[in-house]
Amino acid sequence: MEEKKRILDMLAEKKITSEEAMRLLTAVNAKPESEKKGARFLKITVFENDNVKPKVNVSIPIMLVKLGAKVIPKDKMMQTEIGNSKFDLSGIDWDEILKLASKGEIGDIFNADIEEDSGKMIKVRIYIE
């Protein structure tokens, strides 16, 4: 806010032109580059038997994941069961993942191809986008 006032004061004192003031105000209002490209979602998809449409398709805002990382006990955070397979992803360093996501890093955290006893194939993907 202080920067905008200084720009307007310089304009009033005729130290800069109105065009220069507009450029400066636009630059002040622009989001920092790191905010623009930061990852925004933790995504979880589960596919069965090579289906194109996922059986599970979850998108969780990174801000909500950050809150969960502070509140949910780390040993309970990522214990789940898909089909007959149990997964314990509590060893994942979520703080580090969230740091990378806030810097704009995207990509896979976890991928698994699981063949059930019945022969059914399950593909699980957890990633940041």
C-alpha atoms as a PDB file:
ATOM      1  CA  MET A   1       0.000   0.000   0.000  1.00  0.00           C
ATOM      2  CA  GLU A   2       2.880   2.323   0.825  1.00  0.00           C
ATOM      3  CA  GLU A   3       4.359   1.766  -2.647  1.00  0.00           C
ATOM      4  CA  LYS A   4       1.121   2.833  -4.345  1.00  0.00           C
ATOM      5  CA  LYS A   5       0.995   6.030  -2.303  1.00  0.00           C
ATOM      6  CA  ARG A   6       4.591   6.873  -3.231  1.00  0.00           C
ATOM      7  CA  ILE A   7       3.794   6.338  -6.924  1.00  0.00           C
ATOM      8  CA  LEU A   8       0.754   8.617  -6.687  1.00  0.00           C
ATOM      9  CA  ASP A   9       2.785  11.231  -4.808  1.00  0.00           C
ATOM     10  CA  MET A  10       5.472  11.161  -7.535  1.00  0.00           C
ATOM     11  CA  LEU A  11       2.722  11.592 -10.143  1.00  0.00           C
ATOM     12  CA  ALA A  12       1.205  14.535  -8.219  1.00  0.00           C
ATOM     13  CA  GLU A  13       4.640  16.150  -7.954  1.00  0.00           C
ATOM     14  CA  LYS A  14       5.084  15.598 -11.732  1.00  0.00           C
ATOM     15  CA  LYS A  15       8.230  13.532 -11.174  1.00  0.00           C
ATOM     16  CA  ILE A  16       6.769  10.781 -13.384  1.00  0.00           C
ATOM     17  CA  THR A  17       4.241  10.734 -16.226  1.00  0.00           C
ATOM     18  CA  SER A  18       0.815   9.110 -15.981  1.00  0.00           C
ATOM     19  CA  GLU A  19       2.040   6.320 -18.288  1.00  0.00           C
ATOM     20  CA  GLU A  20       4.977   5.645 -15.969  1.00  0.00           C
ATOM     21  CA  ALA A  21       2.636   5.682 -12.978  1.00  0.00           C
ATOM     22  CA  MET A  22       0.362   3.119 -14.689  1.00  0.00           C
ATOM     23  CA  ARG A  23       3.316   0.809 -15.399  1.00  0.00           C
ATOM     24  CA  LEU A  24       4.552   1.082 -11.825  1.00  0.00           C
ATOM     25  CA  LEU A  25       1.086   0.472 -10.360  1.00  0.00           C
ATOM     26  CA  THR A  26       0.628  -2.559 -12.620  1.00  0.00           C
ATOM     27  CA  ALA A  27       3.972  -3.937 -11.471  1.00  0.00           C
ATOM     28  CA  VAL A  28       3.098  -3.384  -7.809  1.00  0.00           C
ATOM     29  CA  ASN A  29      -0.257  -5.161  -8.234  1.00  0.00           C
ATOM     30  CA  ALA A  30       1.255  -8.155 -10.070  1.00  0.00           C
ATOM     31  CA  LYS A  31       1.660 -11.350  -8.041  1.00  0.00           C
ATOM     32  CA  PRO A  32       5.236 -12.482  -7.457  1.00  0.00           C
ATOM     33  CA  GLU A  33       6.356 -15.116  -9.973  1.00  0.00           C
ATOM     34  CA  SER A  34       6.657 -17.740  -7.226  1.00  0.00           C
ATOM     35  CA  GLU A  35       2.955 -17.327  -6.375  1.00  0.00           C
ATOM     36  CA  LYS A  36       1.904 -17.636 -10.004  1.00  0.00           C
ATOM     37  CA  LYS A  37       3.526 -20.964 -10.676  1.00  0.00           C
ATOM     38  CA  GLY A  38       3.097 -22.686  -7.316  1.00  0.00           C
ATOM     39  CA  ALA A  39       1.467 -26.103  -7.326  1.00  0.00           C
ATOM     40  CA  ARG A  40      -2.117 -25.942  -6.179  1.00  0.00           C
ATOM     41  CA  PHE A  41      -3.425 -29.495  -5.689  1.00  0.00           C
ATOM     42  CA  LEU A  42      -2.489 -32.851  -4.255  1.00  0.00           C
ATOM     43  CA  LYS A  43      -4.231 -35.358  -6.532  1.00  0.00           C
ATOM     44  CA  ILE A  44      -5.068 -39.007  -5.977  1.00  0.00           C
ATOM     45  CA  THR A  45      -6.350 -41.215  -8.796  1.00  0.00           C
ATOM     46  CA  VAL A  46      -7.226 -44.894  -8.748  1.00  0.00           C
ATOM     47  CA  PHE A  47      -7.947 -46.847 -11.939  1.00  0.00           C
ATOM     48  CA  GLU A  48      -9.253 -50.403 -12.253  1.00  0.00           C
ATOM     49  CA  ASN A  49      -8.471 -52.791 -15.119  1.00  0.00           C
ATOM     50  CA  ASP A  50      -7.088 -50.178 -17.531  1.00  0.00           C
ATOM     51  CA  ASN A  51     -10.337 -48.181 -17.490  1.00  0.00           C
ATOM     52  CA  VAL A  52      -9.985 -44.684 -18.908  1.00  0.00           C
ATOM     53  CA  LYS A  53     -12.250 -43.181 -16.246  1.00  0.00           C
ATOM     54  CA  PRO A  54     -10.786 -43.322 -12.709  1.00  0.00           C
ATOM     55  CA  LYS A  55     -12.669 -45.091  -9.938  1.00  0.00           C
ATOM     56  CA  VAL A  56     -11.279 -42.502  -7.510  1.00  0.00           C
ATOM     57  CA  ASN A  57     -10.307 -38.971  -8.538  1.00  0.00           C
ATOM     58  CA  VAL A  58      -9.548 -36.644  -5.613  1.00  0.00           C
ATOM     59  CA  SER A  59      -8.051 -33.140  -5.752  1.00  0.00           C
ATOM     60  CA  ILE A  60      -7.082 -31.559  -2.444  1.00  0.00           C
ATOM     61  CA  PRO A  61      -5.950 -27.919  -2.368  1.00  0.00           C
ATOM     62  CA  ILE A  62      -2.350 -27.636  -1.180  1.00  0.00           C
ATOM     63  CA  MET A  63      -3.431 -25.137   1.489  1.00  0.00           C
ATOM     64  CA  LEU A  64      -5.757 -27.783   2.962  1.00  0.00           C
ATOM     65  CA  VAL A  65      -2.949 -30.365   2.846  1.00  0.00           C
ATOM     66  CA  LYS A  66      -0.754 -27.901   4.760  1.00  0.00           C
ATOM     67  CA  LEU A  67      -3.438 -27.577   7.428  1.00  0.00           C
ATOM     68  CA  GLY A  68      -3.848 -31.359   7.604  1.00  0.00           C
ATOM     69  CA  ALA A  69      -0.099 -31.813   7.938  1.00  0.00           C
ATOM     70  CA  LYS A  70      -0.202 -29.641  11.055  1.00  0.00           C
ATOM     71  CA  VAL A  71      -3.271 -31.279  12.623  1.00  0.00           C
ATOM     72  CA  ILE A  72      -3.253 -34.978  11.671  1.00  0.00           C
ATOM     73  CA  PRO A  73      -0.711 -37.168  13.494  1.00  0.00           C
ATOM     74  CA  LYS A  74       2.046 -38.110  11.060  1.00  0.00           C
ATOM     75  CA  ASP A  75       1.687 -41.852  11.714  1.00  0.00           C
ATOM     76  CA  LYS A  76      -2.027 -41.708  10.753  1.00  0.00           C
ATOM     77  CA  MET A  77      -1.785 -39.333   7.807  1.00  0.00           C
ATOM     78  CA  MET A  78      -1.583 -41.765   4.909  1.00  0.00           C
ATOM     79  CA  GLN A  79      -2.736 -45.176   6.002  1.00  0.00           C
ATOM     80  CA  THR A  80      -5.303 -46.541   3.598  1.00  0.00           C
ATOM     81  CA  GLU A  81      -6.638 -49.700   2.047  1.00  0.00           C
ATOM     82  CA  ILE A  82      -7.406 -50.067  -1.653  1.00  0.00           C
ATOM     83  CA  GLY A  83      -8.988 -53.334  -2.639  1.00  0.00           C
ATOM     84  CA  ASN A  84      -7.128 -56.011  -0.652  1.00  0.00           C
ATOM     85  CA  SER A  85      -3.914 -53.959  -0.494  1.00  0.00           C
ATOM     86  CA  LYS A  86      -2.912 -51.832   2.487  1.00  0.00           C
ATOM     87  CA  PHE A  87      -0.723 -48.758   2.095  1.00  0.00           C
ATOM     88  CA  ASP A  88       1.200 -46.905   4.755  1.00  0.00           C
ATOM     89  CA  LEU A  89       2.648 -43.714   3.319  1.00  0.00           C
ATOM     90  CA  SER A  90       3.238 -42.114   6.718  1.00  0.00           C
ATOM     91  CA  GLY A  91       6.987 -42.201   6.064  1.00  0.00           C
ATOM     92  CA  ILE A  92       6.602 -39.509   3.413  1.00  0.00           C
ATOM     93  CA  ASP A  93       8.121 -36.176   4.472  1.00  0.00           C
ATOM     94  CA  TRP A  94       5.034 -34.025   3.864  1.00  0.00           C
ATOM     95  CA  ASP A  95       6.770 -30.865   5.045  1.00  0.00           C
ATOM     96  CA  GLU A  96       9.355 -31.286   2.285  1.00  0.00           C
ATOM     97  CA  ILE A  97       6.665 -32.119  -0.288  1.00  0.00           C
ATOM     98  CA  LEU A  98       4.743 -28.982   0.681  1.00  0.00           C
ATOM     99  CA  LYS A  99       7.898 -26.854   0.420  1.00  0.00           C
ATOM    100  CA  LEU A 100       8.500 -28.170  -3.089  1.00  0.00           C
ATOM    101  CA  ALA A 101       4.846 -27.607  -4.030  1.00  0.00           C
ATOM    102  CA  SER A 102       4.958 -24.005  -2.832  1.00  0.00           C
ATOM    103  CA  LYS A 103       8.018 -23.465  -5.050  1.00  0.00           C
ATOM    104  CA  GLY A 104       6.060 -24.736  -8.040  1.00  0.00           C
ATOM    105  CA  GLU A 105       7.431 -28.272  -8.210  1.00  0.00           C
ATOM    106  CA  ILE A 106       4.959 -30.746  -9.649  1.00  0.00           C
ATOM    107  CA  GLY A 107       4.962 -34.459 -10.272  1.00  0.00           C
ATOM    108  CA  ASP A 108       4.483 -37.900  -8.796  1.00  0.00           C
ATOM    109  CA  ILE A 109       4.809 -38.738  -5.117  1.00  0.00           C
ATOM    110  CA  PHE A 110       3.577 -42.320  -5.320  1.00  0.00           C
ATOM    111  CA  ASN A 111       2.695 -44.761  -8.116  1.00  0.00           C
ATOM    112  CA  ALA A 112       1.597 -48.357  -7.689  1.00  0.00           C
ATOM    113  CA  ASP A 113       0.334 -51.086 -10.019  1.00  0.00           C
ATOM    114  CA  ILE A 114      -1.430 -53.714  -7.936  1.00  0.00           C
ATOM    115  CA  GLU A 115      -2.727 -57.073  -9.094  1.00  0.00           C
ATOM    116  CA  GLU A 116      -5.475 -58.330  -6.805  1.00  0.00           C
ATOM    117  CA  ASP A 117      -5.875 -62.053  -6.040  1.00  0.00           C
ATOM    118  CA  SER A 118      -8.954 -61.972  -8.296  1.00  0.00           C
ATOM    119  CA  GLY A 119      -6.761 -60.827 -11.205  1.00  0.00           C
ATOM    120  CA  LYS A 120      -8.157 -57.277 -11.122  1.00  0.00           C
ATOM    121  CA  MET A 121      -5.489 -54.604 -11.761  1.00  0.00           C
ATOM    122  CA  ILE A 122      -5.506 -51.407  -9.708  1.00  0.00           C
ATOM    123  CA  LYS A 123      -3.325 -48.395 -10.528  1.00  0.00           C
ATOM    124  CA  VAL A 124      -2.819 -45.765  -7.830  1.00  0.00           C
ATOM    125  CA  ARG A 125      -1.193 -42.401  -8.459  1.00  0.00           C
ATOM    126  CA  ILE A 126      -0.590 -39.613  -5.927  1.00  0.00           C
ATOM    127  CA  TYR A 127       0.885 -36.448  -7.397  1.00  0.00           C
ATOM    128  CA  ILE A 128       1.123 -32.680  -7.170  1.00  0.00           C
ATOM    129  CA  GLU A 129      -0.245 -30.451  -9.897  1.00  0.00           C
END
